[in-house]
C-alpha cells in the first residue's frame, strides 16, 4: 500500500472517529461476553446446587436452560455486532474511502 495513502487515511478525522467507535464498541461487547461466560463458570464452580435444581418432574436441571441461554446470548451479541457494523461502521468506511481517494 502506498505510504502516502496510509498517512492520509490515518490523519482523516472520520477514520479516527471510526477507530474510536469500533474500539469502544468492541470492548463493551467483550465485557458483556466475559461477564456472561465467567459468571456461568463461577456458578458451575461455586454454586452447583443452584444449577442442579430440577425443573419439573423430568431430568432437566436449571443449568441446561442457563447454558442454552448463554449460547443464545452469544448469537444475539454477534448479530448485534454485525448489524451495527453493516449499518454504521461500513457507512463510515465508505465515507473515508471517498474522502481519501478523491
N, C-alpha and C. Protein backbone atom coordinates (compact mmCIF):
# COMPACT_ATOMS: atom_id res chain seq x y z
N UNK A 1 0.85 -1.18 0.00
CA UNK A 1 0.00 0.00 0.00
C UNK A 1 0.89 1.24 0.00
N UNK A 2 0.42 2.23 -0.66
CA UNK A 2 1.14 3.49 -0.80
C UNK A 2 1.26 4.19 0.56
N UNK A 3 2.47 4.52 1.00
CA UNK A 3 2.64 5.17 2.31
C UNK A 3 1.89 6.50 2.41
N UNK A 4 1.79 7.22 1.30
CA UNK A 4 1.06 8.50 1.33
C UNK A 4 -0.43 8.27 1.59
N UNK A 5 -0.96 7.21 0.98
CA UNK A 5 -2.38 6.86 1.19
C UNK A 5 -2.62 6.46 2.64
N UNK A 6 -1.71 5.68 3.19
CA UNK A 6 -1.82 5.26 4.59
C UNK A 6 -1.82 6.49 5.50
N UNK A 7 -0.97 7.44 5.23
CA UNK A 7 -0.90 8.67 6.03
C UNK A 7 -2.19 9.47 5.92
N UNK A 8 -2.72 9.58 4.70
CA UNK A 8 -3.99 10.33 4.51
C UNK A 8 -5.13 9.65 5.26
N UNK A 9 -5.18 8.32 5.22
CA UNK A 9 -6.23 7.60 5.94
C UNK A 9 -6.06 7.80 7.44
N UNK A 10 -4.86 7.62 7.94
CA UNK A 10 -4.61 7.74 9.39
C UNK A 10 -4.91 9.15 9.91
N UNK A 11 -4.72 10.16 9.08
CA UNK A 11 -4.96 11.55 9.51
C UNK A 11 -6.39 12.00 9.28
N UNK A 12 -7.20 11.18 8.64
CA UNK A 12 -8.58 11.54 8.36
C UNK A 12 -9.39 11.53 9.66
N UNK A 13 -10.10 12.63 9.99
CA UNK A 13 -10.87 12.67 11.24
C UNK A 13 -11.98 11.62 11.29
N UNK A 14 -12.55 11.28 10.14
CA UNK A 14 -13.57 10.23 10.13
C UNK A 14 -12.98 8.87 10.46
N UNK A 15 -11.74 8.64 10.02
CA UNK A 15 -11.06 7.39 10.36
C UNK A 15 -10.80 7.31 11.87
N UNK A 16 -10.37 8.42 12.43
CA UNK A 16 -10.14 8.47 13.88
C UNK A 16 -11.44 8.18 14.63
N UNK A 17 -12.54 8.76 14.16
CA UNK A 17 -13.85 8.54 14.79
C UNK A 17 -14.27 7.08 14.64
N UNK A 18 -14.08 6.52 13.47
CA UNK A 18 -14.43 5.11 13.23
C UNK A 18 -13.63 4.20 14.14
N UNK A 19 -12.34 4.46 14.22
CA UNK A 19 -11.46 3.64 15.05
C UNK A 19 -11.88 3.70 16.52
N UNK A 20 -12.19 4.91 17.00
CA UNK A 20 -12.59 5.08 18.40
C UNK A 20 -13.93 4.40 18.68
N UNK A 21 -14.91 4.58 17.77
CA UNK A 21 -16.22 3.96 17.96
C UNK A 21 -16.12 2.45 17.96
N UNK A 22 -15.38 1.92 17.00
CA UNK A 22 -15.27 0.46 16.89
C UNK A 22 -14.54 -0.13 18.09
N UNK A 23 -13.53 0.56 18.57
CA UNK A 23 -12.79 0.07 19.73
C UNK A 23 -13.66 0.07 20.98
N UNK A 24 -14.37 1.19 21.22
CA UNK A 24 -15.26 1.26 22.39
C UNK A 24 -16.34 0.18 22.33
N UNK A 25 -16.93 0.03 21.15
CA UNK A 25 -17.99 -0.95 20.97
C UNK A 25 -17.46 -2.36 21.18
N UNK A 26 -16.29 -2.64 20.64
CA UNK A 26 -15.68 -3.96 20.81
C UNK A 26 -15.39 -4.28 22.26
N UNK A 27 -14.89 -3.31 23.01
CA UNK A 27 -14.61 -3.55 24.43
C UNK A 27 -15.89 -3.76 25.23
N UNK A 28 -16.96 -3.03 24.88
CA UNK A 28 -18.23 -3.24 25.58
C UNK A 28 -18.77 -4.64 25.34
N UNK A 29 -18.72 -5.08 24.09
CA UNK A 29 -19.20 -6.43 23.80
C UNK A 29 -18.31 -7.49 24.44
N UNK A 30 -17.02 -7.23 24.46
CA UNK A 30 -16.10 -8.16 25.12
C UNK A 30 -16.42 -8.26 26.60
N UNK A 31 -16.66 -7.12 27.24
CA UNK A 31 -17.00 -7.12 28.66
C UNK A 31 -18.30 -7.88 28.92
N UNK A 32 -19.30 -7.65 28.08
CA UNK A 32 -20.58 -8.35 28.24
C UNK A 32 -20.38 -9.86 28.11
N UNK A 33 -19.59 -10.27 27.13
CA UNK A 33 -19.34 -11.70 26.91
C UNK A 33 -18.56 -12.31 28.07
N UNK A 34 -17.55 -11.58 28.55
CA UNK A 34 -16.75 -12.09 29.66
C UNK A 34 -17.59 -12.24 30.92
N UNK A 35 -18.44 -11.26 31.20
CA UNK A 35 -19.31 -11.35 32.37
C UNK A 35 -20.24 -12.56 32.26
N UNK A 36 -20.83 -12.75 31.08
CA UNK A 36 -21.74 -13.87 30.89
C UNK A 36 -21.02 -15.21 31.04
N UNK A 37 -19.92 -15.39 30.33
CA UNK A 37 -19.22 -16.67 30.38
C UNK A 37 -18.58 -16.94 31.75
N UNK A 38 -17.88 -15.96 32.28
CA UNK A 38 -17.25 -16.19 33.58
C UNK A 38 -18.29 -16.31 34.68
N UNK A 39 -19.41 -15.61 34.54
CA UNK A 39 -20.49 -15.77 35.50
C UNK A 39 -21.01 -17.21 35.51
N UNK A 40 -21.17 -17.78 34.32
CA UNK A 40 -21.63 -19.16 34.23
C UNK A 40 -20.60 -20.11 34.82
N UNK A 41 -19.34 -19.90 34.49
CA UNK A 41 -18.27 -20.77 35.02
C UNK A 41 -18.20 -20.65 36.54
N UNK A 42 -18.37 -19.45 37.07
CA UNK A 42 -18.36 -19.28 38.52
C UNK A 42 -19.55 -19.98 39.16
N UNK A 43 -20.69 -19.95 38.50
CA UNK A 43 -21.85 -20.71 39.01
C UNK A 43 -21.54 -22.20 39.04
N UNK A 44 -20.93 -22.70 37.98
CA UNK A 44 -20.59 -24.11 37.93
C UNK A 44 -19.60 -24.46 39.04
N UNK A 45 -18.64 -23.58 39.27
CA UNK A 45 -17.59 -23.86 40.26
C UNK A 45 -18.08 -23.72 41.70
N UNK A 46 -18.91 -22.71 41.96
CA UNK A 46 -19.21 -22.39 43.35
C UNK A 46 -20.66 -22.57 43.77
N UNK A 47 -21.56 -22.84 42.84
CA UNK A 47 -22.96 -22.98 43.22
C UNK A 47 -23.62 -24.09 42.40
N UNK A 48 -23.05 -25.28 42.50
CA UNK A 48 -23.58 -26.42 41.75
C UNK A 48 -25.00 -26.76 42.18
N UNK A 49 -25.30 -26.53 43.44
CA UNK A 49 -26.65 -26.85 43.91
C UNK A 49 -27.71 -25.99 43.23
N UNK A 50 -27.37 -24.75 42.90
CA UNK A 50 -28.31 -23.89 42.20
C UNK A 50 -28.56 -24.41 40.78
N UNK A 51 -27.48 -24.76 40.09
CA UNK A 51 -27.62 -25.25 38.72
C UNK A 51 -28.24 -26.64 38.63
N UNK A 52 -28.13 -27.41 39.69
CA UNK A 52 -28.66 -28.79 39.65
C UNK A 52 -30.11 -28.89 40.11
N UNK A 53 -30.75 -27.77 40.36
CA UNK A 53 -32.17 -27.81 40.73
C UNK A 53 -32.98 -28.35 39.57
N UNK A 54 -33.87 -29.29 39.89
CA UNK A 54 -34.71 -29.90 38.85
C UNK A 54 -35.79 -28.94 38.41
N UNK A 55 -36.08 -28.98 37.12
CA UNK A 55 -37.20 -28.23 36.57
C UNK A 55 -38.29 -29.23 36.24
N UNK A 56 -39.32 -29.27 37.03
CA UNK A 56 -40.40 -30.22 36.81
C UNK A 56 -40.03 -31.61 37.29
N UNK A 57 -40.75 -32.60 36.76
CA UNK A 57 -40.56 -33.98 37.20
C UNK A 57 -39.54 -34.73 36.36
N UNK A 58 -39.04 -34.13 35.27
CA UNK A 58 -38.10 -34.80 34.37
C UNK A 58 -36.68 -34.71 34.85
N UNK A 59 -35.78 -34.84 33.91
CA UNK A 59 -34.34 -34.82 34.22
C UNK A 59 -33.70 -33.46 33.96
N UNK A 60 -34.47 -32.52 33.45
CA UNK A 60 -33.92 -31.19 33.14
C UNK A 60 -33.60 -30.44 34.43
N UNK A 61 -32.38 -29.88 34.45
CA UNK A 61 -31.98 -29.05 35.58
C UNK A 61 -31.90 -27.59 35.13
N UNK A 62 -31.77 -26.71 36.07
CA UNK A 62 -31.71 -25.28 35.78
C UNK A 62 -30.47 -24.91 34.97
N UNK A 63 -29.41 -25.68 35.10
CA UNK A 63 -28.18 -25.42 34.37
C UNK A 63 -28.33 -25.54 32.86
N UNK A 64 -29.21 -26.41 32.41
CA UNK A 64 -29.37 -26.62 30.97
C UNK A 64 -29.94 -25.38 30.28
N UNK A 65 -31.06 -24.81 30.73
CA UNK A 65 -31.54 -23.60 30.06
C UNK A 65 -30.61 -22.40 30.25
N UNK A 66 -29.91 -22.33 31.37
CA UNK A 66 -28.96 -21.23 31.56
C UNK A 66 -27.81 -21.38 30.56
N UNK A 67 -27.29 -22.58 30.39
CA UNK A 67 -26.24 -22.82 29.39
C UNK A 67 -26.72 -22.55 27.98
N UNK A 68 -27.94 -22.98 27.68
CA UNK A 68 -28.52 -22.70 26.37
C UNK A 68 -28.70 -21.19 26.18
N UNK A 69 -29.13 -20.51 27.23
CA UNK A 69 -29.28 -19.06 27.18
C UNK A 69 -27.97 -18.36 26.90
N UNK A 70 -26.89 -18.90 27.43
CA UNK A 70 -25.56 -18.35 27.17
C UNK A 70 -25.20 -18.46 25.69
N UNK A 71 -25.53 -19.59 25.10
CA UNK A 71 -25.28 -19.78 23.66
C UNK A 71 -26.13 -18.81 22.85
N UNK A 72 -27.39 -18.67 23.21
CA UNK A 72 -28.29 -17.74 22.52
C UNK A 72 -27.78 -16.30 22.69
N UNK A 73 -27.31 -15.96 23.88
CA UNK A 73 -26.75 -14.63 24.14
C UNK A 73 -25.58 -14.35 23.21
N UNK A 74 -24.72 -15.36 22.98
CA UNK A 74 -23.59 -15.22 22.09
C UNK A 74 -24.05 -14.94 20.66
N UNK A 75 -25.05 -15.67 20.20
CA UNK A 75 -25.57 -15.48 18.85
C UNK A 75 -26.19 -14.09 18.71
N UNK A 76 -26.96 -13.67 19.72
CA UNK A 76 -27.59 -12.35 19.69
C UNK A 76 -26.54 -11.25 19.69
N UNK A 77 -25.51 -11.39 20.51
CA UNK A 77 -24.44 -10.40 20.56
C UNK A 77 -23.71 -10.32 19.21
N UNK A 78 -23.47 -11.46 18.59
CA UNK A 78 -22.84 -11.47 17.27
C UNK A 78 -23.72 -10.80 16.24
N UNK A 79 -25.00 -11.09 16.25
CA UNK A 79 -25.94 -10.47 15.31
C UNK A 79 -25.99 -8.96 15.53
N UNK A 80 -25.95 -8.53 16.79
CA UNK A 80 -25.95 -7.10 17.10
C UNK A 80 -24.70 -6.43 16.54
N UNK A 81 -23.55 -7.09 16.70
CA UNK A 81 -22.31 -6.53 16.17
C UNK A 81 -22.37 -6.42 14.65
N UNK A 82 -22.80 -7.49 14.00
CA UNK A 82 -22.87 -7.49 12.53
C UNK A 82 -23.82 -6.41 12.04
N UNK A 83 -24.97 -6.28 12.70
CA UNK A 83 -25.94 -5.25 12.30
C UNK A 83 -25.35 -3.85 12.42
N UNK A 84 -24.73 -3.58 13.54
CA UNK A 84 -24.14 -2.25 13.73
C UNK A 84 -22.97 -2.01 12.79
N UNK A 85 -22.17 -3.04 12.57
CA UNK A 85 -21.04 -2.89 11.64
C UNK A 85 -21.54 -2.61 10.23
N UNK A 86 -22.56 -3.33 9.80
CA UNK A 86 -23.10 -3.11 8.45
C UNK A 86 -23.76 -1.75 8.32
N UNK A 87 -24.44 -1.31 9.36
CA UNK A 87 -25.20 -0.07 9.30
C UNK A 87 -24.31 1.15 9.51
N UNK A 88 -23.49 1.13 10.53
CA UNK A 88 -22.74 2.33 10.93
C UNK A 88 -21.28 2.31 10.47
N UNK A 89 -20.57 1.24 10.78
CA UNK A 89 -19.14 1.20 10.52
C UNK A 89 -18.85 1.13 9.02
N UNK A 90 -19.63 0.36 8.27
CA UNK A 90 -19.39 0.27 6.82
C UNK A 90 -19.70 1.60 6.14
N UNK A 91 -20.75 2.28 6.60
CA UNK A 91 -21.09 3.59 6.01
C UNK A 91 -19.96 4.58 6.24
N UNK A 92 -19.41 4.58 7.45
CA UNK A 92 -18.31 5.47 7.76
C UNK A 92 -17.05 5.09 6.97
N UNK A 93 -16.84 3.81 6.77
CA UNK A 93 -15.70 3.36 5.96
C UNK A 93 -15.84 3.83 4.52
N UNK A 94 -17.06 3.80 3.99
CA UNK A 94 -17.29 4.28 2.63
C UNK A 94 -17.01 5.79 2.52
N UNK A 95 -17.43 6.54 3.54
CA UNK A 95 -17.16 7.99 3.54
C UNK A 95 -15.66 8.24 3.56
N UNK A 96 -14.95 7.50 4.38
CA UNK A 96 -13.49 7.65 4.46
C UNK A 96 -12.84 7.33 3.12
N UNK A 97 -13.27 6.25 2.49
CA UNK A 97 -12.70 5.87 1.19
C UNK A 97 -12.94 6.94 0.15
N UNK A 98 -14.14 7.52 0.12
CA UNK A 98 -14.44 8.57 -0.86
C UNK A 98 -13.60 9.82 -0.60
N UNK A 99 -13.44 10.17 0.67
CA UNK A 99 -12.66 11.37 1.00
C UNK A 99 -11.18 11.19 0.67
N UNK A 100 -10.65 10.02 0.97
CA UNK A 100 -9.22 9.80 0.83
C UNK A 100 -8.84 9.55 -0.64
N UNK A 101 -9.69 8.90 -1.37
CA UNK A 101 -9.35 8.55 -2.75
C UNK A 101 -9.66 9.64 -3.76
N UNK A 102 -10.31 10.72 -3.32
CA UNK A 102 -10.60 11.80 -4.27
C UNK A 102 -9.61 12.92 -4.15
